[in-house]
Amino acid sequence: MSGYTYREPSLRYKVFTNLIIAVFILFIILGSFFLIPIIGNIPFFFVVLIFLTVLIFFHSKKTAYICRNCNHEFEITFWQDLISTHAPGQKMLKCPKCSYKDYCSEVIKLKLKNTI
């Protein structure tokens, strides 16, 4: 048993995710005007790259996907999350169970509580 359960993302989760993305984009826009003249292009680029890497890492640890063909729930690695094409709430992936390649729906990964 994997120790995780999966559920559809709530509206609160979607709003929070979009807020994080909006803050990141705002940081890039404002930083390009105010920080680049102070710290330069290359350091600003590395700061943005580090923030983007951290966001993708946490996203890959918090989400899983459901195959549209066989309804198999599966998780992906950081690298798959980084390079896969995506749409809101979906990602183009190949199912490890049935090998069907299509947009898979995103679900939230929740840790199961130990009930003994």
PDB file of N, CA and C in Angstrom:
ATOM      1  N   MET A   1       0.843  -1.192   0.000  1.00  0.00           N
ATOM      2  CA  MET A   1       0.000   0.000   0.000  1.00  0.00           C
ATOM      3  C   MET A   1       0.878   1.241   0.000  1.00  0.00           C
ATOM      4  N   SER A   2       0.498   2.239  -0.754  1.00  0.00           N
ATOM      5  CA  SER A   2       1.347   3.406  -0.939  1.00  0.00           C
ATOM      6  C   SER A   2       1.306   4.371   0.235  1.00  0.00           C
ATOM      7  N   GLY A   3       0.291   4.349   1.054  1.00  0.00           N
ATOM      8  CA  GLY A   3       0.195   5.276   2.173  1.00  0.00           C
ATOM      9  C   GLY A   3      -0.399   6.614   1.788  1.00  0.00           C
ATOM     10  N   TYR A   4      -0.946   6.720   0.571  1.00  0.00           N
ATOM     11  CA  TYR A   4      -1.539   7.963   0.104  1.00  0.00           C
ATOM     12  C   TYR A   4      -2.933   7.705  -0.428  1.00  0.00           C
ATOM     13  N   THR A   5      -3.763   8.718  -0.349  1.00  0.00           N
ATOM     14  CA  THR A   5      -5.068   8.703  -0.984  1.00  0.00           C
ATOM     15  C   THR A   5      -5.124   9.912  -1.916  1.00  0.00           C
ATOM     16  N   TYR A   6      -5.987   9.867  -2.901  1.00  0.00           N
ATOM     17  CA  TYR A   6      -6.045  10.924  -3.901  1.00  0.00           C
ATOM     18  C   TYR A   6      -7.453  11.509  -3.939  1.00  0.00           C
ATOM     19  N   ARG A   7      -7.544  12.830  -4.162  1.00  0.00           N
ATOM     20  CA  ARG A   7      -8.849  13.476  -4.298  1.00  0.00           C
ATOM     21  C   ARG A   7      -8.747  14.605  -5.320  1.00  0.00           C
ATOM     22  N   GLU A   8      -9.889  14.995  -5.820  1.00  0.00           N
ATOM     23  CA  GLU A   8      -9.948  16.112  -6.757  1.00  0.00           C
ATOM     24  C   GLU A   8      -9.524  17.394  -6.049  1.00  0.00           C
ATOM     25  N   PRO A   9      -8.835  18.289  -6.734  1.00  0.00           N
ATOM     26  CA  PRO A   9      -8.451  19.550  -6.101  1.00  0.00           C
ATOM     27  C   PRO A   9      -9.678  20.405  -5.777  1.00  0.00           C
ATOM     28  N   SER A  10      -9.688  20.962  -4.581  1.00  0.00           N
ATOM     29  CA  SER A  10     -10.796  21.821  -4.173  1.00  0.00           C
ATOM     30  C   SER A  10     -10.632  23.203  -4.807  1.00  0.00           C
ATOM     31  N   LEU A  11     -11.679  24.002  -4.735  1.00  0.00           N
ATOM     32  CA  LEU A  11     -11.617  25.359  -5.258  1.00  0.00           C
ATOM     33  C   LEU A  11     -10.569  26.167  -4.493  1.00  0.00           C
ATOM     34  N   ARG A  12     -10.474  25.932  -3.195  1.00  0.00           N
ATOM     35  CA  ARG A  12      -9.483  26.632  -2.374  1.00  0.00           C
ATOM     36  C   ARG A  12      -8.061  26.307  -2.836  1.00  0.00           C
ATOM     37  N   TYR A  13      -7.803  25.039  -3.143  1.00  0.00           N
ATOM     38  CA  TYR A  13      -6.484  24.627  -3.630  1.00  0.00           C
ATOM     39  C   TYR A  13      -6.170  25.275  -4.978  1.00  0.00           C
ATOM     40  N   LYS A  14      -7.172  25.306  -5.875  1.00  0.00           N
ATOM     41  CA  LYS A  14      -6.965  25.910  -7.197  1.00  0.00           C
ATOM     42  C   LYS A  14      -6.686  27.403  -7.082  1.00  0.00           C
ATOM     43  N   VAL A  15      -7.432  28.091  -6.217  1.00  0.00           N
ATOM     44  CA  VAL A  15      -7.216  29.529  -6.028  1.00  0.00           C
ATOM     45  C   VAL A  15      -5.830  29.778  -5.444  1.00  0.00           C
ATOM     46  N   PHE A  16      -5.432  28.977  -4.450  1.00  0.00           N
ATOM     47  CA  PHE A  16      -4.111  29.123  -3.842  1.00  0.00           C
ATOM     48  C   PHE A  16      -3.004  28.892  -4.867  1.00  0.00           C
ATOM     49  N   THR A  17      -3.151  27.863  -5.685  1.00  0.00           N
ATOM     50  CA  THR A  17      -2.161  27.568  -6.723  1.00  0.00           C
ATOM     51  C   THR A  17      -2.051  28.715  -7.718  1.00  0.00           C
ATOM     52  N   ASN A  18      -3.187  29.233  -8.155  1.00  0.00           N
ATOM     53  CA  ASN A  18      -3.165  30.350  -9.101  1.00  0.00           C
ATOM     54  C   ASN A  18      -2.590  31.606  -8.464  1.00  0.00           C
ATOM     55  N   LEU A  19      -2.821  31.801  -7.175  1.00  0.00           N
ATOM     56  CA  LEU A  19      -2.245  32.944  -6.472  1.00  0.00           C
ATOM     57  C   LEU A  19      -0.720  32.840  -6.411  1.00  0.00           C
ATOM     58  N   ILE A  20      -0.200  31.649  -6.143  1.00  0.00           N
ATOM     59  CA  ILE A  20       1.253  31.442  -6.122  1.00  0.00           C
ATOM     60  C   ILE A  20       1.854  31.728  -7.502  1.00  0.00           C
ATOM     61  N   ILE A  21       1.197  31.263  -8.545  1.00  0.00           N
ATOM     62  CA  ILE A  21       1.685  31.508  -9.906  1.00  0.00           C
ATOM     63  C   ILE A  21       1.644  32.999 -10.229  1.00  0.00           C
ATOM     64  N   ALA A  22       0.568  33.677  -9.826  1.00  0.00           N
ATOM     65  CA  ALA A  22       0.450  35.114 -10.082  1.00  0.00           C
ATOM     66  C   ALA A  22       1.538  35.899  -9.353  1.00  0.00           C
ATOM     67  N   VAL A  23       1.833  35.520  -8.104  1.00  0.00           N
ATOM     68  CA  VAL A  23       2.898  36.190  -7.348  1.00  0.00           C
ATOM     69  C   VAL A  23       4.249  35.956  -8.018  1.00  0.00           C
ATOM     70  N   PHE A  24       4.483  34.743  -8.510  1.00  0.00           N
ATOM     71  CA  PHE A  24       5.733  34.436  -9.206  1.00  0.00           C
ATOM     72  C   PHE A  24       5.871  35.282 -10.471  1.00  0.00           C
ATOM     73  N   ILE A  25       4.797  35.385 -11.248  1.00  0.00           N
ATOM     74  CA  ILE A  25       4.838  36.198 -12.470  1.00  0.00           C
ATOM     75  C   ILE A  25       5.034  37.672 -12.128  1.00  0.00           C
ATOM     76  N   LEU A  26       4.365  38.144 -11.082  1.00  0.00           N
ATOM     77  CA  LEU A  26       4.537  39.528 -10.642  1.00  0.00           C
ATOM     78  C   LEU A  26       5.975  39.788 -10.203  1.00  0.00           C
ATOM     79  N   PHE A  27       6.580  38.818  -9.523  1.00  0.00           N
ATOM     80  CA  PHE A  27       7.980  38.943  -9.123  1.00  0.00           C
ATOM     81  C   PHE A  27       8.880  39.068 -10.352  1.00  0.00           C
ATOM     82  N   ILE A  28       8.612  38.272 -11.378  1.00  0.00           N
ATOM     83  CA  ILE A  28       9.424  38.338 -12.596  1.00  0.00           C
ATOM     84  C   ILE A  28       9.273  39.704 -13.274  1.00  0.00           C
ATOM     85  N   ILE A  29       8.032  40.176 -13.373  1.00  0.00           N
ATOM     86  CA  ILE A  29       7.798  41.458 -14.049  1.00  0.00           C
ATOM     87  C   ILE A  29       8.429  42.606 -13.271  1.00  0.00           C
ATOM     88  N   LEU A  30       8.107  42.702 -11.974  1.00  0.00           N
ATOM     89  CA  LEU A  30       8.645  43.805 -11.179  1.00  0.00           C
ATOM     90  C   LEU A  30      10.154  43.672 -10.983  1.00  0.00           C
ATOM     91  N   GLY A  31      10.621  42.450 -10.829  1.00  0.00           N
ATOM     92  CA  GLY A  31      12.052  42.228 -10.665  1.00  0.00           C
ATOM     93  C   GLY A  31      12.842  42.610 -11.893  1.00  0.00           C
ATOM     94  N   SER A  32      12.240  42.410 -13.057  1.00  0.00           N
ATOM     95  CA  SER A  32      12.958  42.781 -14.280  1.00  0.00           C
ATOM     96  C   SER A  32      13.136  44.292 -14.385  1.00  0.00           C
ATOM     97  N   PHE A  33      12.214  45.054 -13.808  1.00  0.00           N
ATOM     98  CA  PHE A  33      12.352  46.515 -13.827  1.00  0.00           C
ATOM     99  C   PHE A  33      13.240  47.045 -12.703  1.00  0.00           C
ATOM    100  N   PHE A  34      13.100  46.463 -11.503  1.00  0.00           N
ATOM    101  CA  PHE A  34      13.765  47.037 -10.337  1.00  0.00           C
ATOM    102  C   PHE A  34      15.033  46.291  -9.891  1.00  0.00           C
ATOM    103  N   LEU A  35      15.069  44.969 -10.056  1.00  0.00           N
ATOM    104  CA  LEU A  35      16.221  44.207  -9.565  1.00  0.00           C
ATOM    105  C   LEU A  35      17.334  44.063 -10.587  1.00  0.00           C
ATOM    106  N   ILE A  36      16.999  43.937 -11.856  1.00  0.00           N
ATOM    107  CA  ILE A  36      18.042  43.767 -12.874  1.00  0.00           C
ATOM    108  C   ILE A  36      19.013  44.945 -12.895  1.00  0.00           C
ATOM    109  N   PRO A  37      18.537  46.204 -12.796  1.00  0.00           N
ATOM    110  CA  PRO A  37      19.522  47.303 -12.753  1.00  0.00           C
ATOM    111  C   PRO A  37      20.437  47.246 -11.525  1.00  0.00           C
ATOM    112  N   ILE A  38      19.965  46.641 -10.434  1.00  0.00           N
ATOM    113  CA  ILE A  38      20.762  46.587  -9.204  1.00  0.00           C
ATOM    114  C   ILE A  38      21.699  45.373  -9.192  1.00  0.00           C
ATOM    115  N   ILE A  39      21.138  44.165  -9.465  1.00  0.00           N
ATOM    116  CA  ILE A  39      21.962  42.948  -9.339  1.00  0.00           C
ATOM    117  C   ILE A  39      22.443  42.395 -10.678  1.00  0.00           C
ATOM    118  N   GLY A  40      21.867  42.829 -11.797  1.00  0.00           N
ATOM    119  CA  GLY A  40      22.289  42.355 -13.111  1.00  0.00           C
ATOM    120  C   GLY A  40      21.397  41.245 -13.651  1.00  0.00           C
ATOM    121  N   ASN A  41      21.568  40.940 -14.930  1.00  0.00           N
ATOM    122  CA  ASN A  41      20.743  39.944 -15.613  1.00  0.00           C
ATOM    123  C   ASN A  41      20.971  38.524 -15.117  1.00  0.00           C
ATOM    124  N   ILE A  42      22.228  38.127 -15.033  1.00  0.00           N
ATOM    125  CA  ILE A  42      22.555  36.734 -14.710  1.00  0.00           C
ATOM    126  C   ILE A  42      22.110  36.352 -13.298  1.00  0.00           C
ATOM    127  N   PRO A  43      22.405  37.132 -12.252  1.00  0.00           N
ATOM    128  CA  PRO A  43      21.921  36.758 -10.916  1.00  0.00           C
ATOM    129  C   PRO A  43      20.393  36.713 -10.839  1.00  0.00           C
ATOM    130  N   PHE A  44      19.708  37.656 -11.497  1.00  0.00           N
ATOM    131  CA  PHE A  44      18.242  37.640 -11.495  1.00  0.00           C
ATOM    132  C   PHE A  44      17.725  36.384 -12.188  1.00  0.00           C
ATOM    133  N   PHE A  45      18.344  36.007 -13.293  1.00  0.00           N
ATOM    134  CA  PHE A  45      17.951  34.785 -13.994  1.00  0.00           C
ATOM    135  C   PHE A  45      18.088  33.565 -13.080  1.00  0.00           C
ATOM    136  N   PHE A  46      19.173  33.474 -12.324  1.00  0.00           N
ATOM    137  CA  PHE A  46      19.364  32.333 -11.430  1.00  0.00           C
ATOM    138  C   PHE A  46      18.371  32.337 -10.272  1.00  0.00           C
ATOM    139  N   VAL A  47      18.014  33.496  -9.771  1.00  0.00           N
ATOM    140  CA  VAL A  47      16.993  33.570  -8.707  1.00  0.00           C
ATOM    141  C   VAL A  47      15.653  33.071  -9.235  1.00  0.00           C
ATOM    142  N   VAL A  48      15.269  33.506 -10.422  1.00  0.00           N
ATOM    143  CA  VAL A  48      14.012  33.055 -11.030  1.00  0.00           C
ATOM    144  C   VAL A  48      14.067  31.553 -11.291  1.00  0.00           C
ATOM    145  N   LEU A  49      15.182  31.052 -11.778  1.00  0.00           N
ATOM    146  CA  LEU A  49      15.340  29.622 -12.037  1.00  0.00           C
ATOM    147  C   LEU A  49      15.228  28.801 -10.759  1.00  0.00           C
ATOM    148  N   ILE A  50      15.803  29.282  -9.667  1.00  0.00           N
ATOM    149  CA  ILE A  50      15.721  28.578  -8.384  1.00  0.00           C
ATOM    150  C   ILE A  50      14.281  28.554  -7.884  1.00  0.00           C
ATOM    151  N   PHE A  51      13.582  29.704  -7.929  1.00  0.00           N
ATOM    152  CA  PHE A  51      12.181  29.742  -7.498  1.00  0.00           C
ATOM    153  C   PHE A  51      11.316  28.813  -8.345  1.00  0.00           C
ATOM    154  N   LEU A  52      11.538  28.805  -9.647  1.00  0.00           N
ATOM    155  CA  LEU A  52      10.763  27.937 -10.533  1.00  0.00           C
ATOM    156  C   LEU A  52      11.024  26.465 -10.223  1.00  0.00           C
ATOM    157  N   THR A  53      12.262  26.113  -9.968  1.00  0.00           N
ATOM    158  CA  THR A  53      12.613  24.737  -9.620  1.00  0.00           C
ATOM    159  C   THR A  53      11.941  24.310  -8.321  1.00  0.00           C
ATOM    160  N   VAL A  54      11.922  25.186  -7.337  1.00  0.00           N
ATOM    161  CA  VAL A  54      11.271  24.878  -6.049  1.00  0.00           C
ATOM    162  C   VAL A  54       9.766  24.694  -6.249  1.00  0.00           C
ATOM    163  N   LEU A  55       9.138  25.561  -7.038  1.00  0.00           N
ATOM    164  CA  LEU A  55       7.705  25.418  -7.305  1.00  0.00           C
ATOM    165  C   LEU A  55       7.386  24.093  -7.985  1.00  0.00           C
ATOM    166  N   ILE A  56       8.158  23.717  -8.973  1.00  0.00           N
ATOM    167  CA  ILE A  56       7.919  22.453  -9.683  1.00  0.00           C
ATOM    168  C   ILE A  56       8.178  21.265  -8.770  1.00  0.00           C
ATOM    169  N   PHE A  57       9.198  21.351  -7.918  1.00  0.00           N
ATOM    170  CA  PHE A  57       9.491  20.255  -6.984  1.00  0.00           C
ATOM    171  C   PHE A  57       8.317  20.019  -6.039  1.00  0.00           C
ATOM    172  N   PHE A  58       7.796  21.094  -5.426  1.00  0.00           N
ATOM    173  CA  PHE A  58       6.663  20.933  -4.509  1.00  0.00           C
ATOM    174  C   PHE A  58       5.411  20.469  -5.243  1.00  0.00           C
ATOM    175  N   HIS A  59       5.214  20.924  -6.471  1.00  0.00           N
ATOM    176  CA  HIS A  59       4.068  20.467  -7.255  1.00  0.00           C
ATOM    177  C   HIS A  59       4.160  18.971  -7.529  1.00  0.00           C
ATOM    178  N   SER A  60       5.350  18.490  -7.877  1.00  0.00           N
ATOM    179  CA  SER A  60       5.504  17.064  -8.181  1.00  0.00           C
ATOM    180  C   SER A  60       5.320  16.193  -6.942  1.00  0.00           C
ATOM    181  N   LYS A  61       5.611  16.722  -5.759  1.00  0.00           N
ATOM    182  CA  LYS A  61       5.441  15.953  -4.522  1.00  0.00           C
ATOM    183  C   LYS A  61       3.996  15.958  -4.034  1.00  0.00           C
ATOM    184  N   LYS A  62       3.219  16.963  -4.428  1.00  0.00           N
ATOM    185  CA  LYS A  62       1.863  17.137  -3.906  1.00  0.00           C
ATOM    186  C   LYS A  62       0.777  16.580  -4.823  1.00  0.00           C
ATOM    187  N   THR A  63       1.107  16.295  -6.088  1.00  0.00           N
ATOM    188  CA  THR A  63       0.079  15.891  -7.043  1.00  0.00           C
ATOM    189  C   THR A  63       0.328  14.493  -7.611  1.00  0.00           C
ATOM    190  N   ALA A  64      -0.746  13.917  -8.114  1.00  0.00           N
ATOM    191  CA  ALA A  64      -0.715  12.650  -8.846  1.00  0.00           C
ATOM    192  C   ALA A  64      -1.666  12.831 -10.033  1.00  0.00           C
ATOM    193  N   TYR A  65      -1.774  11.817 -10.868  1.00  0.00           N
ATOM    194  CA  TYR A  65      -2.581  11.941 -12.076  1.00  0.00           C
ATOM    195  C   TYR A  65      -3.427  10.691 -12.280  1.00  0.00           C
ATOM    196  N   ILE A  66      -4.556  10.853 -12.983  1.00  0.00           N
ATOM    197  CA  ILE A  66      -5.464   9.748 -13.277  1.00  0.00           C
ATOM    198  C   ILE A  66      -5.527   9.579 -14.791  1.00  0.00           C
ATOM    199  N   CYS A  67      -5.299   8.356 -15.243  1.00  0.00           N
ATOM    200  CA  CYS A  67      -5.382   8.031 -16.672  1.00  0.00           C
ATOM    201  C   CYS A  67      -6.846   8.075 -17.112  1.00  0.00           C
ATOM    202  N   ARG A  68      -7.107   8.689 -18.260  1.00  0.00           N
ATOM    203  CA  ARG A  68      -8.479   8.759 -18.785  1.00  0.00           C
ATOM    204  C   ARG A  68      -8.943   7.416 -19.342  1.00  0.00           C
ATOM    205  N   ASN A  69      -7.994   6.574 -19.730  1.00  0.00           N
ATOM    206  CA  ASN A  69      -8.341   5.309 -20.363  1.00  0.00           C
ATOM    207  C   ASN A  69      -8.701   4.229 -19.338  1.00  0.00           C
ATOM    208  N   CYS A  70      -7.848   4.040 -18.328  1.00  0.00           N
ATOM    209  CA  CYS A  70      -8.058   2.934 -17.376  1.00  0.00           C
ATOM    210  C   CYS A  70      -8.305   3.401 -15.935  1.00  0.00           C
ATOM    211  N   ASN A  71      -8.354   4.713 -15.690  1.00  0.00           N
ATOM    212  CA  ASN A  71      -8.567   5.303 -14.364  1.00  0.00           C
ATOM    213  C   ASN A  71      -7.500   4.915 -13.343  1.00  0.00           C
ATOM    214  N   HIS A  72      -6.327   4.600 -13.813  1.00  0.00           N
ATOM    215  CA  HIS A  72      -5.204   4.272 -12.926  1.00  0.00           C
ATOM    216  C   HIS A  72      -4.633   5.561 -12.344  1.00  0.00           C
ATOM    217  N   GLU A  73      -4.451   5.586 -11.014  1.00  0.00           N
ATOM    218  CA  GLU A  73      -3.845   6.736 -10.350  1.00  0.00           C
ATOM    219  C   GLU A  73      -2.349   6.494 -10.234  1.00  0.00           C
ATOM    220  N   PHE A  74      -1.548   7.478 -10.655  1.00  0.00           N
ATOM    221  CA  PHE A  74      -0.103   7.308 -10.606  1.00  0.00           C
ATOM    222  C   PHE A  74       0.567   8.639 -10.343  1.00  0.00           C
ATOM    223  N   GLU A  75       1.793   8.550  -9.849  1.00  0.00           N
ATOM    224  CA  GLU A  75       2.593   9.727  -9.551  1.00  0.00           C
ATOM    225  C   GLU A  75       3.706   9.842 -10.587  1.00  0.00           C
ATOM    226  N   ILE A  76       4.220  11.059 -10.741  1.00  0.00           N
ATOM    227  CA  ILE A  76       5.307  11.275 -11.683  1.00  0.00           C
ATOM    228  C   ILE A  76       6.501  11.886 -10.954  1.00  0.00           C
ATOM    229  N   THR A  77       7.634  11.838 -11.604  1.00  0.00           N
ATOM    230  CA  THR A  77       8.858  12.376 -11.018  1.00  0.00           C
ATOM    231  C   THR A  77       8.960  13.878 -11.280  1.00  0.00           C
ATOM    232  N   PHE A  78       9.915  14.495 -10.623  1.00  0.00           N
ATOM    233  CA  PHE A  78      10.190  15.915 -10.839  1.00  0.00           C
ATOM    234  C   PHE A  78      10.508  16.180 -12.301  1.00  0.00           C
ATOM    235  N   TRP A  79      11.327  15.332 -12.907  1.00  0.00           N
ATOM    236  CA  TRP A  79      11.742  15.552 -14.300  1.00  0.00           C
ATOM    237  C   TRP A  79      10.575  15.419 -15.264  1.00  0.00           C
ATOM    238  N   GLN A  80       9.670  14.452 -15.010  1.00  0.00           N
ATOM    239  CA  GLN A  80       8.481  14.329 -15.848  1.00  0.00           C
ATOM    240  C   GLN A  80       7.594  15.560 -15.699  1.00  0.00           C
ATOM    241  N   ASP A  81       7.471  16.057 -14.474  1.00  0.00           N
ATOM    242  CA  ASP A  81       6.678  17.246 -14.223  1.00  0.00           C
ATOM    243  C   ASP A  81       7.290  18.461 -14.913  1.00  0.00           C
ATOM    244  N   LEU A  82       8.599  18.511 -14.967  1.00  0.00           N
ATOM    245  CA  LEU A  82       9.301  19.637 -15.580  1.00  0.00           C
ATOM    246  C   LEU A  82       9.109  19.688 -17.096  1.00  0.00           C
ATOM    247  N   ILE A  83       9.188  18.547 -17.773  1.00  0.00           N
ATOM    248  CA  ILE A  83       9.209  18.558 -19.240  1.00  0.00           C
ATOM    249  C   ILE A  83       7.875  18.232 -19.910  1.00  0.00           C
ATOM    250  N   SER A  84       6.880  17.770 -19.156  1.00  0.00           N
ATOM    251  CA  SER A  84       5.601  17.393 -19.771  1.00  0.00           C
ATOM    252  C   SER A  84       4.784  18.612 -20.147  1.00  0.00           C
ATOM    253  N   THR A  85       4.104  18.515 -21.284  1.00  0.00           N
ATOM    254  CA  THR A  85       3.192  19.586 -21.666  1.00  0.00           C
ATOM    255  C   THR A  85       1.966  19.526 -20.767  1.00  0.00           C
ATOM    256  N   HIS A  86       1.362  20.693 -20.556  1.00  0.00           N
ATOM    257  CA  HIS A  86       0.237  20.735 -19.624  1.00  0.00           C
ATOM    258  C   HIS A  86      -0.812  21.740 -20.068  1.00  0.00           C
ATOM    259  N   ALA A  87      -1.975  21.555 -19.502  1.00  0.00           N
ATOM    260  CA  ALA A  87      -3.094  22.479 -19.607  1.00  0.00           C
ATOM    261  C   ALA A  87      -3.609  22.642 -18.181  1.00  0.00           C
ATOM    262  N   PRO A  88      -4.474  23.598 -17.905  1.00  0.00           N
ATOM    263  CA  PRO A  88      -4.952  23.761 -16.533  1.00  0.00           C
ATOM    264  C   PRO A  88      -5.578  22.480 -15.982  1.00  0.00           C
ATOM    265  N   GLY A  89      -4.979  21.945 -14.921  1.00  0.00           N
ATOM    266  CA  GLY A  89      -5.493  20.736 -14.273  1.00  0.00           C
ATOM    267  C   GLY A  89      -5.197  19.444 -15.002  1.00  0.00           C
ATOM    268  N   GLN A  90      -4.390  19.482 -16.047  1.00  0.00           N
ATOM    269  CA  GLN A  90      -4.094  18.290 -16.841  1.00  0.00           C
ATOM    270  C   GLN A  90      -2.640  18.319 -17.286  1.00  0.00           C
ATOM    271  N   LYS A  91      -2.128  17.139 -17.599  1.00  0.00           N
ATOM    272  CA  LYS A  91      -0.761  17.030 -18.088  1.00  0.00           C
ATOM    273  C   LYS A  91      -0.693  15.867 -19.071  1.00  0.00           C
ATOM    274  N   MET A  92       0.030  16.063 -20.181  1.00  0.00           N
ATOM    275  CA  MET A  92       0.190  15.012 -21.185  1.00  0.00           C
ATOM    276  C   MET A  92       1.182  13.986 -20.664  1.00  0.00           C
ATOM    277  N   LEU A  93       0.672  12.789 -20.346  1.00  0.00           N
ATOM    278  CA  LEU A  93       1.497  11.726 -19.770  1.00  0.00           C
ATOM    279  C   LEU A  93       1.136  10.381 -20.377  1.00  0.00           C
ATOM    280  N   LYS A  94       2.052   9.445 -20.245  1.00  0.00           N
ATOM    281  CA  LYS A  94       1.826   8.068 -20.668  1.00  0.00           C
ATOM    282  C   LYS A  94       1.527   7.250 -19.420  1.00  0.00           C
ATOM    283  N   CYS A  95       0.399   6.577 -19.410  1.00  0.00           N
ATOM    284  CA  CYS A  95      -0.008   5.775 -18.248  1.00  0.00           C
ATOM    285  C   CYS A  95       0.951   4.597 -18.075  1.00  0.00           C
ATOM    286  N   PRO A  96       1.461   4.390 -16.850  1.00  0.00           N
ATOM    287  CA  PRO A  96       2.370   3.256 -16.639  1.00  0.00           C
ATOM    288  C   PRO A  96       1.668   1.904 -16.674  1.00  0.00           C
ATOM    289  N   LYS A  97       0.340   1.899 -16.540  1.00  0.00           N
ATOM    290  CA  LYS A  97      -0.401   0.638 -16.529  1.00  0.00           C
ATOM    291  C   LYS A  97      -0.827   0.201 -17.926  1.00  0.00           C
ATOM    292  N   CYS A  98      -1.457   1.110 -18.681  1.00  0.00           N
ATOM    293  CA  CYS A  98      -1.992   0.723 -19.986  1.00  0.00           C
ATOM    294  C   CYS A  98      -1.222   1.325 -21.160  1.00  0.00           C
ATOM    295  N   SER A  99      -0.233   2.149 -20.904  1.00  0.00           N
ATOM    296  CA  SER A  99       0.614   2.799 -21.912  1.00  0.00           C
ATOM    297  C   SER A  99      -0.155   3.738 -22.836  1.00  0.00           C
ATOM    298  N   TYR A 100      -1.324   4.187 -22.426  1.00  0.00           N
ATOM    299  CA  TYR A 100      -2.120   5.140 -23.198  1.00  0.00           C
ATOM    300  C   TYR A 100      -1.583   6.538 -22.935  1.00  0.00           C
ATOM    301  N   LYS A 101      -1.308   7.300 -23.993  1.00  0.00           N
ATOM    302  CA  LYS A 101      -0.762   8.642 -23.850  1.00  0.00           C
ATOM    303  C   LYS A 101      -1.852   9.659 -24.163  1.00  0.00           C
ATOM    304  N   ASP A 102      -2.181  10.467 -23.153  1.00  0.00           N
ATOM    305  CA  ASP A 102      -3.214  11.482 -23.292  1.00  0.00           C
ATOM    306  C   ASP A 102      -3.081  12.459 -22.128  1.00  0.00           C
ATOM    307  N   TYR A 103      -3.916  13.484 -22.136  1.00  0.00           N
ATOM    308  CA  TYR A 103      -3.929  14.393 -20.998  1.00  0.00           C
ATOM    309  C   TYR A 103      -4.555  13.685 -19.806  1.00  0.00           C
ATOM    310  N   CYS A 104      -3.816  13.605 -18.714  1.00  0.00           N
ATOM    311  CA  CYS A 104      -4.283  12.962 -17.486  1.00  0.00           C
ATOM    312  C   CYS A 104      -4.728  14.045 -16.510  1.00  0.00           C
ATOM    313  N   SER A 105      -5.787  13.764 -15.766  1.00  0.00           N
ATOM    314  CA  SER A 105      -6.325  14.723 -14.809  1.00  0.00           C
ATOM    315  C   SER A 105      -5.483  14.755 -13.549  1.00  0.00           C
ATOM    316  N   GLU A 106      -5.299  15.958 -13.025  1.00  0.00           N
ATOM    317  CA  GLU A 106      -4.508  16.154 -11.812  1.00  0.00           C
ATOM    318  C   GLU A 106      -5.370  15.911 -10.579  1.00  0.00           C
ATOM    319  N   VAL A 107      -4.805  15.193  -9.603  1.00  0.00           N
ATOM    320  CA  VAL A 107      -5.447  14.995  -8.305  1.00  0.00           C
ATOM    321  C   VAL A 107      -4.448  15.324  -7.212  1.00  0.00           C
ATOM    322  N   ILE A 108      -4.966  15.624  -6.044  1.00  0.00           N
ATOM    323  CA  ILE A 108      -4.136  15.971  -4.896  1.00  0.00           C
ATOM    324  C   ILE A 108      -3.780  14.703  -4.140  1.00  0.00           C
ATOM    325  N   LYS A 109      -2.534  14.601  -3.733  1.00  0.00           N
ATOM    326  CA  LYS A 109      -2.040  13.437  -3.004  1.00  0.00           C
ATOM    327  C   LYS A 109      -2.101  13.762  -1.502  1.00  0.00           C
ATOM    328  N   LEU A 110      -2.842  12.953  -0.729  1.00  0.00           N
ATOM    329  CA  LEU A 110      -2.972  13.146   0.705  1.00  0.00           C
ATOM    330  C   LEU A 110      -2.430  11.928   1.440  1.00  0.00           C
ATOM    331  N   LYS A 111      -1.693  12.171   2.493  1.00  0.00           N
ATOM    332  CA  LYS A 111      -1.127  11.093   3.289  1.00  0.00           C
ATOM    333  C   LYS A 111      -2.222  10.457   4.147  1.00  0.00           C
ATOM    334  N   LEU A 112      -2.261   9.127   4.174  1.00  0.00           N
ATOM    335  CA  LEU A 112      -3.226   8.413   5.003  1.00  0.00           C
ATOM    336  C   LEU A 112      -2.831   8.504   6.464  1.00  0.00           C
ATOM    337  N   LYS A 113      -3.817   8.655   7.325  1.00  0.00           N
ATOM    338  CA  LYS A 113      -3.571   8.672   8.764  1.00  0.00           C
ATOM    339  C   LYS A 113      -3.550   7.244   9.282  1.00  0.00           C
ATOM    340  N   ASN A 114      -2.648   6.959  10.212  1.00  0.00           N
ATOM    341  CA  ASN A 114      -2.569   5.633  10.809  1.00  0.00           C
ATOM    342  C   ASN A 114      -3.706   5.455  11.800  1.00  0.00           C
ATOM    343  N   THR A 115      -4.583   4.506  11.532  1.00  0.00           N
ATOM    344  CA  THR A 115      -5.687   4.199  12.445  1.00  0.00           C
ATOM    345  C   THR A 115      -5.533   2.767  12.902  1.00  0.00           C
ATOM    346  N   ILE A 116      -5.123   2.627  14.131  1.00  0.00           N
ATOM    347  CA  ILE A 116      -4.905   1.274  14.679  1.00  0.00           C
ATOM    348  C   ILE A 116      -5.840   1.056  15.838  1.00  0.00           C
TER     349      ILE A 116
END
